[in-house]
Amino acid sequence: MTENDVKSILGPGTDPTLLSDILRTGANASELARAKAWVEADEAQVDAHSPFPSGRIARLVELLEADQEEDDLL
């Protein structure tokens, strides 16, 4: 996955640190898109009793949620 892939999924204003962390996971664009969908629909996923993602997708979810929490603090 490239920097442009990440920005096309998360948006052009993606934090550089988050971008770097995502690229270091070795995940592909599909995995990032799935992680983003999970984070954006978190309550719906839990209500539907969907299992929490595993592997690289789980790591991406952690990164995205941590970034979201940081944004909420600002």
PDB file of N, CA and C in Angstrom:
ATOM      1  N   MET A   1       0.852  -1.163   0.000  1.00  0.00           N
ATOM      2  CA  MET A   1       0.000   0.000   0.000  1.00  0.00           C
ATOM      3  C   MET A   1       0.901   1.229   0.000  1.00  0.00           C
ATOM      4  N   THR A   2       0.465   2.241  -0.704  1.00  0.00           N
ATOM      5  CA  THR A   2       1.247   3.464  -0.817  1.00  0.00           C
ATOM      6  C   THR A   2       0.627   4.586   0.010  1.00  0.00           C
ATOM      7  N   GLU A   3       1.379   5.652   0.141  1.00  0.00           N
ATOM      8  CA  GLU A   3       0.885   6.846   0.826  1.00  0.00           C
ATOM      9  C   GLU A   3      -0.388   7.350   0.141  1.00  0.00           C
ATOM     10  N   ASN A   4      -0.397   7.328  -1.175  1.00  0.00           N
ATOM     11  CA  ASN A   4      -1.580   7.780  -1.915  1.00  0.00           C
ATOM     12  C   ASN A   4      -2.787   6.888  -1.651  1.00  0.00           C
ATOM     13  N   ASP A   5      -2.561   5.582  -1.498  1.00  0.00           N
ATOM     14  CA  ASP A   5      -3.659   4.668  -1.170  1.00  0.00           C
ATOM     15  C   ASP A   5      -4.287   5.057   0.169  1.00  0.00           C
ATOM     16  N   VAL A   6      -3.430   5.303   1.152  1.00  0.00           N
ATOM     17  CA  VAL A   6      -3.918   5.670   2.483  1.00  0.00           C
ATOM     18  C   VAL A   6      -4.720   6.965   2.408  1.00  0.00           C
ATOM     19  N   LYS A   7      -4.176   7.948   1.716  1.00  0.00           N
ATOM     20  CA  LYS A   7      -4.862   9.237   1.610  1.00  0.00           C
ATOM     21  C   LYS A   7      -6.167   9.127   0.833  1.00  0.00           C
ATOM     22  N   SER A   8      -6.225   8.232  -0.130  1.00  0.00           N
ATOM     23  CA  SER A   8      -7.473   8.080  -0.883  1.00  0.00           C
ATOM     24  C   SER A   8      -8.559   7.434  -0.023  1.00  0.00           C
ATOM     25  N   ILE A   9      -8.159   6.641   0.953  1.00  0.00           N
ATOM     26  CA  ILE A   9      -9.124   5.984   1.841  1.00  0.00           C
ATOM     27  C   ILE A   9      -9.480   6.866   3.032  1.00  0.00           C
ATOM     28  N   LEU A  10      -8.474   7.490   3.635  1.00  0.00           N
ATOM     29  CA  LEU A  10      -8.702   8.266   4.853  1.00  0.00           C
ATOM     30  C   LEU A  10      -8.858   9.761   4.612  1.00  0.00           C
ATOM     31  N   GLY A  11      -8.445  10.222   3.466  1.00  0.00           N
ATOM     32  CA  GLY A  11      -8.546  11.643   3.155  1.00  0.00           C
ATOM     33  C   GLY A  11      -7.181  12.286   3.051  1.00  0.00           C
ATOM     34  N   PRO A  12      -7.116  13.383   2.298  1.00  0.00           N
ATOM     35  CA  PRO A  12      -5.828  14.032   2.036  1.00  0.00           C
ATOM     36  C   PRO A  12      -5.186  14.652   3.273  1.00  0.00           C
ATOM     37  N   GLY A  13      -5.958  14.903   4.305  1.00  0.00           N
ATOM     38  CA  GLY A  13      -5.414  15.519   5.509  1.00  0.00           C
ATOM     39  C   GLY A  13      -4.978  14.524   6.565  1.00  0.00           C
ATOM     40  N   THR A  14      -4.718  13.296   6.163  1.00  0.00           N
ATOM     41  CA  THR A  14      -4.314  12.258   7.113  1.00  0.00           C
ATOM     42  C   THR A  14      -3.043  12.669   7.841  1.00  0.00           C
ATOM     43  N   ASP A  15      -3.076  12.543   9.153  1.00  0.00           N
ATOM     44  CA  ASP A  15      -1.930  12.886   9.991  1.00  0.00           C
ATOM     45  C   ASP A  15      -0.698  12.100   9.536  1.00  0.00           C
ATOM     46  N   PRO A  16       0.438  12.782   9.378  1.00  0.00           N
ATOM     47  CA  PRO A  16       1.649  12.101   8.899  1.00  0.00           C
ATOM     48  C   PRO A  16       2.103  10.942   9.791  1.00  0.00           C
ATOM     49  N   THR A  17       1.934  11.080  11.092  1.00  0.00           N
ATOM     50  CA  THR A  17       2.330   9.996  11.999  1.00  0.00           C
ATOM     51  C   THR A  17       1.422   8.788  11.806  1.00  0.00           C
ATOM     52  N   LEU A  18       0.120   9.040  11.700  1.00  0.00           N
ATOM     53  CA  LEU A  18      -0.824   7.948  11.453  1.00  0.00           C
ATOM     54  C   LEU A  18      -0.511   7.291  10.121  1.00  0.00           C
ATOM     55  N   LEU A  19      -0.244   8.082   9.122  1.00  0.00           N
ATOM     56  CA  LEU A  19       0.093   7.565   7.798  1.00  0.00           C
ATOM     57  C   LEU A  19       1.296   6.626   7.875  1.00  0.00           C
ATOM     58  N   SER A  20       2.320   7.058   8.558  1.00  0.00           N
ATOM     59  CA  SER A  20       3.530   6.254   8.712  1.00  0.00           C
ATOM     60  C   SER A  20       3.237   4.959   9.473  1.00  0.00           C
ATOM     61  N   ASP A  21       2.468   5.070  10.552  1.00  0.00           N
ATOM     62  CA  ASP A  21       2.123   3.884  11.346  1.00  0.00           C
ATOM     63  C   ASP A  21       1.338   2.874  10.511  1.00  0.00           C
ATOM     64  N   ILE A  22       0.422   3.374   9.706  1.00  0.00           N
ATOM     65  CA  ILE A  22      -0.384   2.490   8.855  1.00  0.00           C
ATOM     66  C   ILE A  22       0.501   1.785   7.836  1.00  0.00           C
ATOM     67  N   LEU A  23       1.383   2.517   7.205  1.00  0.00           N
ATOM     68  CA  LEU A  23       2.258   1.916   6.200  1.00  0.00           C
ATOM     69  C   LEU A  23       3.158   0.845   6.810  1.00  0.00           C
ATOM     70  N   ARG A  24       3.572   1.043   8.056  1.00  0.00           N
ATOM     71  CA  ARG A  24       4.445   0.067   8.719  1.00  0.00           C
ATOM     72  C   ARG A  24       3.730  -1.242   9.045  1.00  0.00           C
ATOM     73  N   THR A  25       2.403  -1.249   9.037  1.00  0.00           N
ATOM     74  CA  THR A  25       1.686  -2.495   9.346  1.00  0.00           C
ATOM     75  C   THR A  25       1.818  -3.523   8.233  1.00  0.00           C
ATOM     76  N   GLY A  26       2.120  -3.061   7.029  1.00  0.00           N
ATOM     77  CA  GLY A  26       2.189  -3.975   5.898  1.00  0.00           C
ATOM     78  C   GLY A  26       0.822  -4.341   5.341  1.00  0.00           C
ATOM     79  N   ALA A  27      -0.208  -3.659   5.823  1.00  0.00           N
ATOM     80  CA  ALA A  27      -1.571  -3.940   5.362  1.00  0.00           C
ATOM     81  C   ALA A  27      -1.766  -3.459   3.928  1.00  0.00           C
ATOM     82  N   ASN A  28      -2.800  -3.991   3.297  1.00  0.00           N
ATOM     83  CA  ASN A  28      -3.129  -3.527   1.953  1.00  0.00           C
ATOM     84  C   ASN A  28      -4.335  -2.585   2.022  1.00  0.00           C
ATOM     85  N   ALA A  29      -4.665  -1.988   0.892  1.00  0.00           N
ATOM     86  CA  ALA A  29      -5.738  -0.994   0.844  1.00  0.00           C
ATOM     87  C   ALA A  29      -7.084  -1.595   1.253  1.00  0.00           C
ATOM     88  N   SER A  30      -7.328  -2.821   0.877  1.00  0.00           N
ATOM     89  CA  SER A  30      -8.584  -3.476   1.241  1.00  0.00           C
ATOM     90  C   SER A  30      -8.700  -3.629   2.760  1.00  0.00           C
ATOM     91  N   GLU A  31      -7.606  -3.994   3.394  1.00  0.00           N
ATOM     92  CA  GLU A  31      -7.613  -4.140   4.855  1.00  0.00           C
ATOM     93  C   GLU A  31      -7.848  -2.795   5.531  1.00  0.00           C
ATOM     94  N   LEU A  32      -7.233  -1.743   5.008  1.00  0.00           N
ATOM     95  CA  LEU A  32      -7.446  -0.414   5.580  1.00  0.00           C
ATOM     96  C   LEU A  32      -8.896   0.020   5.401  1.00  0.00           C
ATOM     97  N   ALA A  33      -9.459  -0.234   4.251  1.00  0.00           N
ATOM     98  CA  ALA A  33     -10.859   0.123   4.011  1.00  0.00           C
ATOM     99  C   ALA A  33     -11.781  -0.628   4.976  1.00  0.00           C
ATOM    100  N   ARG A  34     -11.486  -1.891   5.219  1.00  0.00           N
ATOM    101  CA  ARG A  34     -12.298  -2.675   6.163  1.00  0.00           C
ATOM    102  C   ARG A  34     -12.151  -2.145   7.583  1.00  0.00           C
ATOM    103  N   ALA A  35     -10.934  -1.770   7.963  1.00  0.00           N
ATOM    104  CA  ALA A  35     -10.709  -1.212   9.301  1.00  0.00           C
ATOM    105  C   ALA A  35     -11.450   0.114   9.455  1.00  0.00           C
ATOM    106  N   LYS A  36     -11.389   0.936   8.435  1.00  0.00           N
ATOM    107  CA  LYS A  36     -12.085   2.227   8.478  1.00  0.00           C
ATOM    108  C   LYS A  36     -13.587   2.004   8.616  1.00  0.00           C
ATOM    109  N   ALA A  37     -14.121   1.063   7.859  1.00  0.00           N
ATOM    110  CA  ALA A  37     -15.549   0.759   7.941  1.00  0.00           C
ATOM    111  C   ALA A  37     -15.920   0.282   9.342  1.00  0.00           C
ATOM    112  N   TRP A  38     -15.058  -0.520   9.941  1.00  0.00           N
ATOM    113  CA  TRP A  38     -15.317  -1.009  11.298  1.00  0.00           C
ATOM    114  C   TRP A  38     -15.378   0.160  12.284  1.00  0.00           C
ATOM    115  N   VAL A  39     -14.400   1.045  12.210  1.00  0.00           N
ATOM    116  CA  VAL A  39     -14.339   2.180  13.137  1.00  0.00           C
ATOM    117  C   VAL A  39     -15.545   3.098  12.942  1.00  0.00           C
ATOM    118  N   GLU A  40     -15.917   3.334  11.712  1.00  0.00           N
ATOM    119  CA  GLU A  40     -17.035   4.240  11.437  1.00  0.00           C
ATOM    120  C   GLU A  40     -18.378   3.638  11.819  1.00  0.00           C
ATOM    121  N   ALA A  41     -18.473   2.324  11.851  1.00  0.00           N
ATOM    122  CA  ALA A  41     -19.739   1.661  12.161  1.00  0.00           C
ATOM    123  C   ALA A  41     -19.619   0.826  13.428  1.00  0.00           C
ATOM    124  N   ASP A  42     -18.777   1.266  14.346  1.00  0.00           N
ATOM    125  CA  ASP A  42     -18.452   0.483  15.538  1.00  0.00           C
ATOM    126  C   ASP A  42     -19.689   0.000  16.280  1.00  0.00           C
ATOM    127  N   GLU A  43     -20.614   0.896  16.580  1.00  0.00           N
ATOM    128  CA  GLU A  43     -21.805   0.496  17.331  1.00  0.00           C
ATOM    129  C   GLU A  43     -22.641  -0.502  16.546  1.00  0.00           C
ATOM    130  N   ALA A  44     -22.762  -0.288  15.260  1.00  0.00           N
ATOM    131  CA  ALA A  44     -23.536  -1.213  14.432  1.00  0.00           C
ATOM    132  C   ALA A  44     -22.887  -2.589  14.410  1.00  0.00           C
ATOM    133  N   GLN A  45     -21.560  -2.624  14.378  1.00  0.00           N
ATOM    134  CA  GLN A  45     -20.849  -3.903  14.372  1.00  0.00           C
ATOM    135  C   GLN A  45     -21.093  -4.653  15.678  1.00  0.00           C
ATOM    136  N   VAL A  46     -21.026  -3.935  16.783  1.00  0.00           N
ATOM    137  CA  VAL A  46     -21.232  -4.566  18.085  1.00  0.00           C
ATOM    138  C   VAL A  46     -22.676  -5.039  18.206  1.00  0.00           C
ATOM    139  N   ASP A  47     -23.616  -4.189  17.778  1.00  0.00           N
ATOM    140  CA  ASP A  47     -25.028  -4.563  17.842  1.00  0.00           C
ATOM    141  C   ASP A  47     -25.314  -5.798  16.995  1.00  0.00           C
ATOM    142  N   ALA A  48     -24.607  -5.944  15.899  1.00  0.00           N
ATOM    143  CA  ALA A  48     -24.805  -7.092  15.013  1.00  0.00           C
ATOM    144  C   ALA A  48     -24.009  -8.307  15.494  1.00  0.00           C
ATOM    145  N   HIS A  49     -23.313  -8.144  16.611  1.00  0.00           N
ATOM    146  CA  HIS A  49     -22.497  -9.212  17.193  1.00  0.00           C
ATOM    147  C   HIS A  49     -21.419  -9.702  16.231  1.00  0.00           C
ATOM    148  N   SER A  50     -20.906  -8.784  15.440  1.00  0.00           N
ATOM    149  CA  SER A  50     -19.810  -9.133  14.537  1.00  0.00           C
ATOM    150  C   SER A  50     -18.544  -9.320  15.360  1.00  0.00           C
ATOM    151  N   PRO A  51     -17.769 -10.330  15.045  1.00  0.00           N
ATOM    152  CA  PRO A  51     -16.521 -10.522  15.795  1.00  0.00           C
ATOM    153  C   PRO A  51     -15.543  -9.388  15.504  1.00  0.00           C
ATOM    154  N   PHE A  52     -14.764  -9.045  16.516  1.00  0.00           N
ATOM    155  CA  PHE A  52     -13.757  -8.004  16.331  1.00  0.00           C
ATOM    156  C   PHE A  52     -12.744  -8.491  15.302  1.00  0.00           C
ATOM    157  N   PRO A  53     -12.298  -7.601  14.429  1.00  0.00           N
ATOM    158  CA  PRO A  53     -11.305  -8.004  13.426  1.00  0.00           C
ATOM    159  C   PRO A  53     -10.034  -8.540  14.081  1.00  0.00           C
ATOM    160  N   SER A  54      -9.288  -9.299  13.312  1.00  0.00           N
ATOM    161  CA  SER A  54      -8.030  -9.835  13.822  1.00  0.00           C
ATOM    162  C   SER A  54      -6.891  -9.464  12.874  1.00  0.00           C
ATOM    163  N   GLY A  55      -5.690  -9.782  13.288  1.00  0.00           N
ATOM    164  CA  GLY A  55      -4.515  -9.559  12.450  1.00  0.00           C
ATOM    165  C   GLY A  55      -4.271  -8.092  12.130  1.00  0.00           C
ATOM    166  N   ARG A  56      -3.887  -7.851  10.886  1.00  0.00           N
ATOM    167  CA  ARG A  56      -3.550  -6.485  10.480  1.00  0.00           C
ATOM    168  C   ARG A  56      -4.748  -5.553  10.557  1.00  0.00           C
ATOM    169  N   ILE A  57      -5.928  -6.071  10.282  1.00  0.00           N
ATOM    170  CA  ILE A  57      -7.117  -5.216  10.353  1.00  0.00           C
ATOM    171  C   ILE A  57      -7.333  -4.752  11.789  1.00  0.00           C
ATOM    172  N   ALA A  58      -7.125  -5.633  12.747  1.00  0.00           N
ATOM    173  CA  ALA A  58      -7.262  -5.248  14.156  1.00  0.00           C
ATOM    174  C   ALA A  58      -6.253  -4.160  14.515  1.00  0.00           C
ATOM    175  N   ARG A  59      -5.032  -4.293  14.036  1.00  0.00           N
ATOM    176  CA  ARG A  59      -4.004  -3.279  14.307  1.00  0.00           C
ATOM    177  C   ARG A  59      -4.403  -1.946  13.688  1.00  0.00           C
ATOM    178  N   LEU A  60      -4.939  -1.985  12.478  1.00  0.00           N
ATOM    179  CA  LEU A  60      -5.393  -0.758  11.828  1.00  0.00           C
ATOM    180  C   LEU A  60      -6.544  -0.124  12.601  1.00  0.00           C
ATOM    181  N   VAL A  61      -7.464  -0.938  13.090  1.00  0.00           N
ATOM    182  CA  VAL A  61      -8.574  -0.419  13.900  1.00  0.00           C
ATOM    183  C   VAL A  61      -8.016   0.291  15.128  1.00  0.00           C
ATOM    184  N   GLU A  62      -7.037  -0.322  15.780  1.00  0.00           N
ATOM    185  CA  GLU A  62      -6.417   0.302  16.956  1.00  0.00           C
ATOM    186  C   GLU A  62      -5.812   1.654  16.607  1.00  0.00           C
ATOM    187  N   LEU A  63      -5.092   1.714  15.500  1.00  0.00           N
ATOM    188  CA  LEU A  63      -4.464   2.971  15.085  1.00  0.00           C
ATOM    189  C   LEU A  63      -5.512   4.034  14.771  1.00  0.00           C
ATOM    190  N   LEU A  64      -6.546   3.648  14.042  1.00  0.00           N
ATOM    191  CA  LEU A  64      -7.587   4.605  13.670  1.00  0.00           C
ATOM    192  C   LEU A  64      -8.365   5.091  14.890  1.00  0.00           C
ATOM    193  N   GLU A  65      -8.654   4.182  15.817  1.00  0.00           N
ATOM    194  CA  GLU A  65      -9.377   4.586  17.024  1.00  0.00           C
ATOM    195  C   GLU A  65      -8.526   5.499  17.896  1.00  0.00           C
ATOM    196  N   ALA A  66      -7.244   5.207  18.008  1.00  0.00           N
ATOM    197  CA  ALA A  66      -6.350   6.059  18.794  1.00  0.00           C
ATOM    198  C   ALA A  66      -6.269   7.449  18.177  1.00  0.00           C
ATOM    199  N   ASP A  67      -6.198   7.513  16.863  1.00  0.00           N
ATOM    200  CA  ASP A  67      -6.154   8.804  16.182  1.00  0.00           C
ATOM    201  C   ASP A  67      -7.459   9.563  16.394  1.00  0.00           C
ATOM    202  N   GLN A  68      -8.554   8.854  16.346  1.00  0.00           N
ATOM    203  CA  GLN A  68      -9.869   9.458  16.554  1.00  0.00           C
ATOM    204  C   GLN A  68      -9.982  10.012  17.978  1.00  0.00           C
ATOM    205  N   GLU A  69      -9.469   9.265  18.951  1.00  0.00           N
ATOM    206  CA  GLU A  69      -9.494   9.722  20.344  1.00  0.00           C
ATOM    207  C   GLU A  69      -8.644  10.973  20.518  1.00  0.00           C
ATOM    208  N   GLU A  70      -7.489  11.014  19.862  1.00  0.00           N
ATOM    209  CA  GLU A  70      -6.638  12.206  19.931  1.00  0.00           C
ATOM    210  C   GLU A  70      -7.370  13.414  19.362  1.00  0.00           C
ATOM    211  N   ASP A  71      -8.057  13.219  18.248  1.00  0.00           N
ATOM    212  CA  ASP A  71      -8.811  14.313  17.635  1.00  0.00           C
ATOM    213  C   ASP A  71      -9.922  14.792  18.558  1.00  0.00           C
ATOM    214  N   ASP A  72     -10.544  13.862  19.283  1.00  0.00           N
ATOM    215  CA  ASP A  72     -11.618  14.226  20.204  1.00  0.00           C
ATOM    216  C   ASP A  72     -11.105  15.071  21.363  1.00  0.00           C
ATOM    217  N   LEU A  73      -9.839  14.893  21.723  1.00  0.00           N
ATOM    218  CA  LEU A  73      -9.254  15.651  22.829  1.00  0.00           C
ATOM    219  C   LEU A  73      -8.899  17.078  22.431  1.00  0.00           C
ATOM    220  N   LEU A  74      -8.756  17.310  21.149  1.00  0.00           N
ATOM    221  CA  LEU A  74      -8.359  18.646  20.675  1.00  0.00           C
ATOM    222  C   LEU A  74      -9.530  19.584  20.585  1.00  0.00           C
TER     223      LEU A  74
END
